[in-house]
Amino acid sequence: MINVEIVYAKPEKQMLLTVSLSTNRTVAEAIVQSGILSQFSELKLETLHVGIFSMPCALDRSVKNGDRIEIYRPLQHDPKEARRQRAIKK
């Protein structure tokens, strides 16, 4: 058995779950087993952007003991466009 952490954060709520898995499991399997998808209705497994310790990865990547799987929220604004808009205002 291995233990991994699943983390997801919104401005008003943060979640950190520890999941015990059998070996040879993927990021997707860990996320599903954690139950986090049922706690946040906006999360859809097939569209998630994830990473392990801040390094983006695919859902089919194998997990190792101690991995911290991070679920990323989509950006609200394009950073380049936001900079352009600020420059126009100046």
PDB file of N, CA and C in Angstrom:
ATOM      1  N   MET A   1       0.839  -1.190   0.000  1.00  0.00           N
ATOM      2  CA  MET A   1       0.000   0.000   0.000  1.00  0.00           C
ATOM      3  C   MET A   1       0.883   1.252   0.000  1.00  0.00           C
ATOM      4  N   ILE A   2       0.382   2.280  -0.667  1.00  0.00           N
ATOM      5  CA  ILE A   2       1.059   3.572  -0.678  1.00  0.00           C
ATOM      6  C   ILE A   2       0.069   4.644  -0.239  1.00  0.00           C
ATOM      7  N   ASN A   3       0.581   5.752   0.262  1.00  0.00           N
ATOM      8  CA  ASN A   3      -0.250   6.884   0.662  1.00  0.00           C
ATOM      9  C   ASN A   3       0.079   8.083  -0.206  1.00  0.00           C
ATOM     10  N   VAL A   4      -0.963   8.737  -0.710  1.00  0.00           N
ATOM     11  CA  VAL A   4      -0.801   9.965  -1.484  1.00  0.00           C
ATOM     12  C   VAL A   4      -1.766  11.010  -0.938  1.00  0.00           C
ATOM     13  N   GLU A   5      -1.458  12.270  -1.180  1.00  0.00           N
ATOM     14  CA  GLU A   5      -2.335  13.369  -0.796  1.00  0.00           C
ATOM     15  C   GLU A   5      -2.991  13.935  -2.044  1.00  0.00           C
ATOM     16  N   ILE A   6      -4.251  14.301  -1.911  1.00  0.00           N
ATOM     17  CA  ILE A   6      -4.993  14.979  -2.970  1.00  0.00           C
ATOM     18  C   ILE A   6      -5.339  16.356  -2.420  1.00  0.00           C
ATOM     19  N   VAL A   7      -4.983  17.417  -3.145  1.00  0.00           N
ATOM     20  CA  VAL A   7      -5.289  18.766  -2.681  1.00  0.00           C
ATOM     21  C   VAL A   7      -6.040  19.551  -3.750  1.00  0.00           C
ATOM     22  N   TYR A   8      -6.963  20.382  -3.265  1.00  0.00           N
ATOM     23  CA  TYR A   8      -7.729  21.268  -4.137  1.00  0.00           C
ATOM     24  C   TYR A   8      -8.089  22.488  -3.304  1.00  0.00           C
ATOM     25  N   ALA A   9      -7.982  23.662  -3.895  1.00  0.00           N
ATOM     26  CA  ALA A   9      -8.267  24.881  -3.139  1.00  0.00           C
ATOM     27  C   ALA A   9      -9.129  25.832  -3.949  1.00  0.00           C
ATOM     28  N   LYS A  10     -10.117  26.377  -3.270  1.00  0.00           N
ATOM     29  CA  LYS A  10     -10.925  27.471  -3.787  1.00  0.00           C
ATOM     30  C   LYS A  10     -10.698  28.631  -2.814  1.00  0.00           C
ATOM     31  N   PRO A  11     -11.033  29.844  -3.191  1.00  0.00           N
ATOM     32  CA  PRO A  11     -10.805  30.957  -2.268  1.00  0.00           C
ATOM     33  C   PRO A  11     -11.477  30.754  -0.905  1.00  0.00           C
ATOM     34  N   GLU A  12     -12.646  30.134  -0.910  1.00  0.00           N
ATOM     35  CA  GLU A  12     -13.387  29.994   0.340  1.00  0.00           C
ATOM     36  C   GLU A  12     -13.205  28.646   1.042  1.00  0.00           C
ATOM     37  N   LYS A  13     -12.583  27.683   0.370  1.00  0.00           N
ATOM     38  CA  LYS A  13     -12.443  26.362   0.973  1.00  0.00           C
ATOM     39  C   LYS A  13     -11.244  25.627   0.387  1.00  0.00           C
ATOM     40  N   GLN A  14     -10.481  24.997   1.264  1.00  0.00           N
ATOM     41  CA  GLN A  14      -9.346  24.185   0.830  1.00  0.00           C
ATOM     42  C   GLN A  14      -9.567  22.760   1.322  1.00  0.00           C
ATOM     43  N   MET A  15      -9.106  21.790   0.535  1.00  0.00           N
ATOM     44  CA  MET A  15      -9.295  20.391   0.892  1.00  0.00           C
ATOM     45  C   MET A  15      -7.976  19.651   0.716  1.00  0.00           C
ATOM     46  N   LEU A  16      -7.581  18.890   1.717  1.00  0.00           N
ATOM     47  CA  LEU A  16      -6.426  18.018   1.641  1.00  0.00           C
ATOM     48  C   LEU A  16      -6.871  16.654   2.150  1.00  0.00           C
ATOM     49  N   LEU A  17      -6.780  15.659   1.284  1.00  0.00           N
ATOM     50  CA  LEU A  17      -7.194  14.304   1.629  1.00  0.00           C
ATOM     51  C   LEU A  17      -6.018  13.356   1.474  1.00  0.00           C
ATOM     52  N   THR A  18      -5.878  12.421   2.385  1.00  0.00           N
ATOM     53  CA  THR A  18      -4.868  11.374   2.272  1.00  0.00           C
ATOM     54  C   THR A  18      -5.570  10.095   1.862  1.00  0.00           C
ATOM     55  N   VAL A  19      -5.029   9.441   0.847  1.00  0.00           N
ATOM     56  CA  VAL A  19      -5.636   8.235   0.302  1.00  0.00           C
ATOM     57  C   VAL A  19      -4.616   7.100   0.328  1.00  0.00           C
ATOM     58  N   SER A  20      -5.044   5.934   0.769  1.00  0.00           N
ATOM     59  CA  SER A  20      -4.207   4.732   0.706  1.00  0.00           C
ATOM     60  C   SER A  20      -4.607   3.937  -0.525  1.00  0.00           C
ATOM     61  N   LEU A  21      -3.627   3.597  -1.336  1.00  0.00           N
ATOM     62  CA  LEU A  21      -3.866   2.891  -2.595  1.00  0.00           C
ATOM     63  C   LEU A  21      -2.971   1.664  -2.672  1.00  0.00           C
ATOM     64  N   SER A  22      -3.407   0.713  -3.475  1.00  0.00           N
ATOM     65  CA  SER A  22      -2.488  -0.369  -3.794  1.00  0.00           C
ATOM     66  C   SER A  22      -1.481   0.171  -4.804  1.00  0.00           C
ATOM     67  N   THR A  23      -0.377  -0.499  -4.964  1.00  0.00           N
ATOM     68  CA  THR A  23       0.657  -0.016  -5.879  1.00  0.00           C
ATOM     69  C   THR A  23       0.167  -0.064  -7.319  1.00  0.00           C
ATOM     70  N   ASN A  24       0.900   0.595  -8.200  1.00  0.00           N
ATOM     71  CA  ASN A  24       0.585   0.653  -9.630  1.00  0.00           C
ATOM     72  C   ASN A  24      -0.756   1.305  -9.914  1.00  0.00           C
ATOM     73  N   ARG A  25      -1.034   2.412  -9.259  1.00  0.00           N
ATOM     74  CA  ARG A  25      -2.250   3.184  -9.497  1.00  0.00           C
ATOM     75  C   ARG A  25      -1.887   4.486 -10.191  1.00  0.00           C
ATOM     76  N   THR A  26      -2.887   5.072 -10.858  1.00  0.00           N
ATOM     77  CA  THR A  26      -2.667   6.321 -11.587  1.00  0.00           C
ATOM     78  C   THR A  26      -3.215   7.502 -10.807  1.00  0.00           C
ATOM     79  N   VAL A  27      -2.874   8.690 -11.277  1.00  0.00           N
ATOM     80  CA  VAL A  27      -3.379   9.919 -10.687  1.00  0.00           C
ATOM     81  C   VAL A  27      -4.904   9.915 -10.733  1.00  0.00           C
ATOM     82  N   ALA A  28      -5.480   9.555 -11.863  1.00  0.00           N
ATOM     83  CA  ALA A  28      -6.946   9.521 -12.005  1.00  0.00           C
ATOM     84  C   ALA A  28      -7.575   8.574 -10.996  1.00  0.00           C
ATOM     85  N   GLU A  29      -7.011   7.404 -10.826  1.00  0.00           N
ATOM     86  CA  GLU A  29      -7.553   6.438  -9.874  1.00  0.00           C
ATOM     87  C   GLU A  29      -7.475   6.963  -8.444  1.00  0.00           C
ATOM     88  N   ALA A  30      -6.401   7.648  -8.117  1.00  0.00           N
ATOM     89  CA  ALA A  30      -6.252   8.230  -6.780  1.00  0.00           C
ATOM     90  C   ALA A  30      -7.305   9.308  -6.533  1.00  0.00           C
ATOM     91  N   ILE A  31      -7.534  10.141  -7.541  1.00  0.00           N
ATOM     92  CA  ILE A  31      -8.527  11.207  -7.411  1.00  0.00           C
ATOM     93  C   ILE A  31      -9.917  10.621  -7.213  1.00  0.00           C
ATOM     94  N   VAL A  32     -10.263   9.636  -8.012  1.00  0.00           N
ATOM     95  CA  VAL A  32     -11.580   9.003  -7.890  1.00  0.00           C
ATOM     96  C   VAL A  32     -11.739   8.363  -6.515  1.00  0.00           C
ATOM     97  N   GLN A  33     -10.738   7.633  -6.075  1.00  0.00           N
ATOM     98  CA  GLN A  33     -10.820   6.941  -4.792  1.00  0.00           C
ATOM     99  C   GLN A  33     -10.904   7.920  -3.615  1.00  0.00           C
ATOM    100  N   SER A  34     -10.356   9.107  -3.763  1.00  0.00           N
ATOM    101  CA  SER A  34     -10.389  10.088  -2.673  1.00  0.00           C
ATOM    102  C   SER A  34     -11.799  10.587  -2.381  1.00  0.00           C
ATOM    103  N   GLY A  35     -12.678  10.548  -3.383  1.00  0.00           N
ATOM    104  CA  GLY A  35     -14.038  11.056  -3.215  1.00  0.00           C
ATOM    105  C   GLY A  35     -14.160  12.552  -3.379  1.00  0.00           C
ATOM    106  N   ILE A  36     -13.101  13.223  -3.764  1.00  0.00           N
ATOM    107  CA  ILE A  36     -13.129  14.684  -3.881  1.00  0.00           C
ATOM    108  C   ILE A  36     -14.055  15.159  -5.003  1.00  0.00           C
ATOM    109  N   LEU A  37     -14.247  14.338  -6.026  1.00  0.00           N
ATOM    110  CA  LEU A  37     -15.111  14.739  -7.139  1.00  0.00           C
ATOM    111  C   LEU A  37     -16.552  14.937  -6.687  1.00  0.00           C
ATOM    112  N   SER A  38     -16.992  14.172  -5.700  1.00  0.00           N
ATOM    113  CA  SER A  38     -18.364  14.317  -5.215  1.00  0.00           C
ATOM    114  C   SER A  38     -18.511  15.508  -4.269  1.00  0.00           C
ATOM    115  N   GLN A  39     -17.417  16.013  -3.742  1.00  0.00           N
ATOM    116  CA  GLN A  39     -17.463  17.147  -2.825  1.00  0.00           C
ATOM    117  C   GLN A  39     -17.433  18.494  -3.541  1.00  0.00           C
ATOM    118  N   PHE A  40     -16.946  18.502  -4.773  1.00  0.00           N
ATOM    119  CA  PHE A  40     -16.876  19.729  -5.568  1.00  0.00           C
ATOM    120  C   PHE A  40     -17.512  19.446  -6.929  1.00  0.00           C
ATOM    121  N   SER A  41     -18.734  19.920  -7.115  1.00  0.00           N
ATOM    122  CA  SER A  41     -19.494  19.596  -8.331  1.00  0.00           C
ATOM    123  C   SER A  41     -18.851  20.135  -9.601  1.00  0.00           C
ATOM    124  N   GLU A  42     -18.010  21.160  -9.496  1.00  0.00           N
ATOM    125  CA  GLU A  42     -17.377  21.730 -10.693  1.00  0.00           C
ATOM    126  C   GLU A  42     -16.235  20.869 -11.230  1.00  0.00           C
ATOM    127  N   LEU A  43     -15.782  19.892 -10.464  1.00  0.00           N
ATOM    128  CA  LEU A  43     -14.674  19.036 -10.899  1.00  0.00           C
ATOM    129  C   LEU A  43     -15.178  17.882 -11.749  1.00  0.00           C
ATOM    130  N   LYS A  44     -14.668  17.791 -12.948  1.00  0.00           N
ATOM    131  CA  LYS A  44     -14.980  16.689 -13.871  1.00  0.00           C
ATOM    132  C   LYS A  44     -13.659  16.016 -14.221  1.00  0.00           C
ATOM    133  N   LEU A  45     -13.543  14.750 -13.924  1.00  0.00           N
ATOM    134  CA  LEU A  45     -12.276  14.036 -14.078  1.00  0.00           C
ATOM    135  C   LEU A  45     -11.663  14.220 -15.458  1.00  0.00           C
ATOM    136  N   GLU A  46     -12.470  14.136 -16.498  1.00  0.00           N
ATOM    137  CA  GLU A  46     -11.931  14.182 -17.859  1.00  0.00           C
ATOM    138  C   GLU A  46     -11.378  15.547 -18.255  1.00  0.00           C
ATOM    139  N   THR A  47     -11.688  16.595 -17.502  1.00  0.00           N
ATOM    140  CA  THR A  47     -11.193  17.934 -17.856  1.00  0.00           C
ATOM    141  C   THR A  47     -10.220  18.506 -16.830  1.00  0.00           C
ATOM    142  N   LEU A  48      -9.838  17.725 -15.839  1.00  0.00           N
ATOM    143  CA  LEU A  48      -8.955  18.235 -14.785  1.00  0.00           C
ATOM    144  C   LEU A  48      -7.544  18.505 -15.282  1.00  0.00           C
ATOM    145  N   HIS A  49      -6.960  19.568 -14.741  1.00  0.00           N
ATOM    146  CA  HIS A  49      -5.535  19.847 -14.906  1.00  0.00           C
ATOM    147  C   HIS A  49      -4.912  19.552 -13.556  1.00  0.00           C
ATOM    148  N   VAL A  50      -3.923  18.678 -13.553  1.00  0.00           N
ATOM    149  CA  VAL A  50      -3.339  18.231 -12.294  1.00  0.00           C
ATOM    150  C   VAL A  50      -1.821  18.301 -12.343  1.00  0.00           C
ATOM    151  N   GLY A  51      -1.228  18.202 -11.169  1.00  0.00           N
ATOM    152  CA  GLY A  51       0.218  18.142 -11.062  1.00  0.00           C
ATOM    153  C   GLY A  51       0.608  17.398  -9.804  1.00  0.00           C
ATOM    154  N   ILE A  52       1.866  17.015  -9.744  1.00  0.00           N
ATOM    155  CA  ILE A  52       2.418  16.391  -8.548  1.00  0.00           C
ATOM    156  C   ILE A  52       3.558  17.283  -8.086  1.00  0.00           C
ATOM    157  N   PHE A  53       3.441  17.782  -6.862  1.00  0.00           N
ATOM    158  CA  PHE A  53       4.413  18.722  -6.315  1.00  0.00           C
ATOM    159  C   PHE A  53       4.684  19.867  -7.287  1.00  0.00           C
ATOM    160  N   SER A  54       3.636  20.496  -7.794  1.00  0.00           N
ATOM    161  CA  SER A  54       3.695  21.677  -8.673  1.00  0.00           C
ATOM    162  C   SER A  54       4.218  21.413 -10.076  1.00  0.00           C
ATOM    163  N   MET A  55       4.411  20.170 -10.441  1.00  0.00           N
ATOM    164  CA  MET A  55       4.848  19.827 -11.796  1.00  0.00           C
ATOM    165  C   MET A  55       3.666  19.217 -12.544  1.00  0.00           C
ATOM    166  N   PRO A  56       3.164  19.893 -13.594  1.00  0.00           N
ATOM    167  CA  PRO A  56       2.013  19.351 -14.322  1.00  0.00           C
ATOM    168  C   PRO A  56       2.265  17.918 -14.789  1.00  0.00           C
ATOM    169  N   CYS A  57       1.207  17.131 -14.765  1.00  0.00           N
ATOM    170  CA  CYS A  57       1.318  15.744 -15.204  1.00  0.00           C
ATOM    171  C   CYS A  57      -0.012  15.290 -15.800  1.00  0.00           C
ATOM    172  N   ALA A  58       0.016  14.142 -16.436  1.00  0.00           N
ATOM    173  CA  ALA A  58      -1.180  13.557 -17.035  1.00  0.00           C
ATOM    174  C   ALA A  58      -1.926  12.725 -16.000  1.00  0.00           C
ATOM    175  N   LEU A  59      -3.207  12.535 -16.253  1.00  0.00           N
ATOM    176  CA  LEU A  59      -4.023  11.730 -15.348  1.00  0.00           C
ATOM    177  C   LEU A  59      -3.616  10.261 -15.340  1.00  0.00           C
ATOM    178  N   ASP A  60      -2.939   9.812 -16.387  1.00  0.00           N
ATOM    179  CA  ASP A  60      -2.556   8.393 -16.443  1.00  0.00           C
ATOM    180  C   ASP A  60      -1.155   8.134 -15.866  1.00  0.00           C
ATOM    181  N   ARG A  61      -0.554   9.138 -15.251  1.00  0.00           N
ATOM    182  CA  ARG A  61       0.766   8.957 -14.628  1.00  0.00           C
ATOM    183  C   ARG A  61       0.636   8.086 -13.384  1.00  0.00           C
ATOM    184  N   SER A  62       1.588   7.210 -13.177  1.00  0.00           N
ATOM    185  CA  SER A  62       1.612   6.369 -11.978  1.00  0.00           C
ATOM    186  C   SER A  62       1.989   7.214 -10.770  1.00  0.00           C
ATOM    187  N   VAL A  63       1.392   6.890  -9.633  1.00  0.00           N
ATOM    188  CA  VAL A  63       1.714   7.610  -8.404  1.00  0.00           C
ATOM    189  C   VAL A  63       2.673   6.790  -7.554  1.00  0.00           C
ATOM    190  N   LYS A  64       3.433   7.518  -6.739  1.00  0.00           N
ATOM    191  CA  LYS A  64       4.384   6.893  -5.823  1.00  0.00           C
ATOM    192  C   LYS A  64       4.007   7.256  -4.396  1.00  0.00           C
ATOM    193  N   ASN A  65       4.505   6.498  -3.462  1.00  0.00           N
ATOM    194  CA  ASN A  65       4.240   6.768  -2.059  1.00  0.00           C
ATOM    195  C   ASN A  65       4.695   8.184  -1.705  1.00  0.00           C
ATOM    196  N   GLY A  66       3.817   8.941  -1.061  1.00  0.00           N
ATOM    197  CA  GLY A  66       4.145  10.294  -0.631  1.00  0.00           C
ATOM    198  C   GLY A  66       3.845  11.380  -1.644  1.00  0.00           C
ATOM    199  N   ASP A  67       3.373  11.024  -2.847  1.00  0.00           N
ATOM    200  CA  ASP A  67       3.054  12.044  -3.851  1.00  0.00           C
ATOM    201  C   ASP A  67       1.945  12.961  -3.352  1.00  0.00           C
ATOM    202  N   ARG A  68       2.029  14.228  -3.763  1.00  0.00           N
ATOM    203  CA  ARG A  68       1.001  15.226  -3.464  1.00  0.00           C
ATOM    204  C   ARG A  68       0.378  15.613  -4.794  1.00  0.00           C
ATOM    205  N   ILE A  69      -0.827  15.134  -5.042  1.00  0.00           N
ATOM    206  CA  ILE A  69      -1.530  15.402  -6.290  1.00  0.00           C
ATOM    207  C   ILE A  69      -2.335  16.683  -6.111  1.00  0.00           C
ATOM    208  N   GLU A  70      -2.056  17.655  -6.958  1.00  0.00           N
ATOM    209  CA  GLU A  70      -2.715  18.957  -6.882  1.00  0.00           C
ATOM    210  C   GLU A  70      -3.683  19.101  -8.051  1.00  0.00           C
ATOM    211  N   ILE A  71      -4.904  19.486  -7.740  1.00  0.00           N
ATOM    212  CA  ILE A  71      -5.913  19.739  -8.768  1.00  0.00           C
ATOM    213  C   ILE A  71      -5.963  21.242  -8.966  1.00  0.00           C
ATOM    214  N   TYR A  72      -5.744  21.678 -10.206  1.00  0.00           N
ATOM    215  CA  TYR A  72      -5.668  23.108 -10.514  1.00  0.00           C
ATOM    216  C   TYR A  72      -6.996  23.626 -11.042  1.00  0.00           C
ATOM    217  N   ARG A  73      -7.359  24.828 -10.585  1.00  0.00           N
ATOM    218  CA  ARG A  73      -8.545  25.503 -11.105  1.00  0.00           C
ATOM    219  C   ARG A  73      -8.164  26.217 -12.404  1.00  0.00           C
ATOM    220  N   PRO A  74      -9.126  26.388 -13.302  1.00  0.00           N
ATOM    221  CA  PRO A  74      -8.810  27.148 -14.523  1.00  0.00           C
ATOM    222  C   PRO A  74      -8.571  28.617 -14.186  1.00  0.00           C
ATOM    223  N   LEU A  75      -7.754  29.266 -14.979  1.00  0.00           N
ATOM    224  CA  LEU A  75      -7.496  30.692 -14.788  1.00  0.00           C
ATOM    225  C   LEU A  75      -8.764  31.479 -15.094  1.00  0.00           C
ATOM    226  N   GLN A  76      -9.039  32.489 -14.281  1.00  0.00           N
ATOM    227  CA  GLN A  76     -10.209  33.336 -14.503  1.00  0.00           C
ATOM    228  C   GLN A  76      -9.959  34.337 -15.632  1.00  0.00           C
ATOM    229  N   HIS A  77      -8.699  34.749 -15.768  1.00  0.00           N
ATOM    230  CA  HIS A  77      -8.327  35.735 -16.781  1.00  0.00           C
ATOM    231  C   HIS A  77      -7.012  35.311 -17.413  1.00  0.00           C
ATOM    232  N   ASP A  78      -6.869  35.592 -18.681  1.00  0.00           N
ATOM    233  CA  ASP A  78      -5.609  35.342 -19.368  1.00  0.00           C
ATOM    234  C   ASP A  78      -4.582  36.354 -18.857  1.00  0.00           C
ATOM    235  N   PRO A  79      -3.463  35.898 -18.281  1.00  0.00           N
ATOM    236  CA  PRO A  79      -2.476  36.838 -17.720  1.00  0.00           C
ATOM    237  C   PRO A  79      -1.965  37.851 -18.739  1.00  0.00           C
ATOM    238  N   LYS A  80      -1.757  37.421 -19.962  1.00  0.00           N
ATOM    239  CA  LYS A  80      -1.261  38.364 -20.983  1.00  0.00           C
ATOM    240  C   LYS A  80      -2.299  39.444 -21.277  1.00  0.00           C
ATOM    241  N   GLU A  81      -3.543  39.034 -21.381  1.00  0.00           N
ATOM    242  CA  GLU A  81      -4.606  40.000 -21.651  1.00  0.00           C
ATOM    243  C   GLU A  81      -4.782  40.951 -20.473  1.00  0.00           C
ATOM    244  N   ALA A  82      -4.676  40.460 -19.260  1.00  0.00           N
ATOM    245  CA  ALA A  82      -4.790  41.322 -18.076  1.00  0.00           C
ATOM    246  C   ALA A  82      -3.691  42.376 -18.070  1.00  0.00           C
ATOM    247  N   ARG A  83      -2.473  41.994 -18.433  1.00  0.00           N
ATOM    248  CA  ARG A  83      -1.376  42.976 -18.502  1.00  0.00           C
ATOM    249  C   ARG A  83      -1.645  44.024 -19.575  1.00  0.00           C
ATOM    250  N   ARG A  84      -2.155  43.580 -20.725  1.00  0.00           N
ATOM    251  CA  ARG A  84      -2.476  44.524 -21.791  1.00  0.00           C
ATOM    252  C   ARG A  84      -3.516  45.542 -21.321  1.00  0.00           C
ATOM    253  N   GLN A  85      -4.552  45.043 -20.638  1.00  0.00           N
ATOM    254  CA  GLN A  85      -5.608  45.918 -20.169  1.00  0.00           C
ATOM    255  C   GLN A  85      -5.086  46.926 -19.136  1.00  0.00           C
ATOM    256  N   ARG A  86      -4.191  46.481 -18.251  1.00  0.00           N
ATOM    257  CA  ARG A  86      -3.605  47.405 -17.272  1.00  0.00           C
ATOM    258  C   ARG A  86      -2.750  48.459 -17.978  1.00  0.00           C
ATOM    259  N   ALA A  87      -2.015  48.057 -19.016  1.00  0.00           N
ATOM    260  CA  ALA A  87      -1.169  48.994 -19.750  1.00  0.00           C
ATOM    261  C   ALA A  87      -2.022  50.035 -20.481  1.00  0.00           C
ATOM    262  N   ILE A  88      -3.154  49.611 -21.004  1.00  0.00           N
ATOM    263  CA  ILE A  88      -4.054  50.542 -21.700  1.00  0.00           C
ATOM    264  C   ILE A  88      -4.595  51.583 -20.731  1.00  0.00           C
ATOM    265  N   LYS A  89      -4.909  51.165 -19.512  1.00  0.00           N
ATOM    266  CA  LYS A  89      -5.472  52.092 -18.511  1.00  0.00           C
ATOM    267  C   LYS A  89      -4.469  53.142 -18.075  1.00  0.00           C
ATOM    268  N   LYS A  90      -3.167  52.796 -18.141  1.00  0.00           N
ATOM    269  CA  LYS A  90      -2.127  53.768 -17.738  1.00  0.00           C
ATOM    270  C   LYS A  90      -1.916  54.728 -18.837  1.00  0.00           C
TER     271      LYS A  90
END
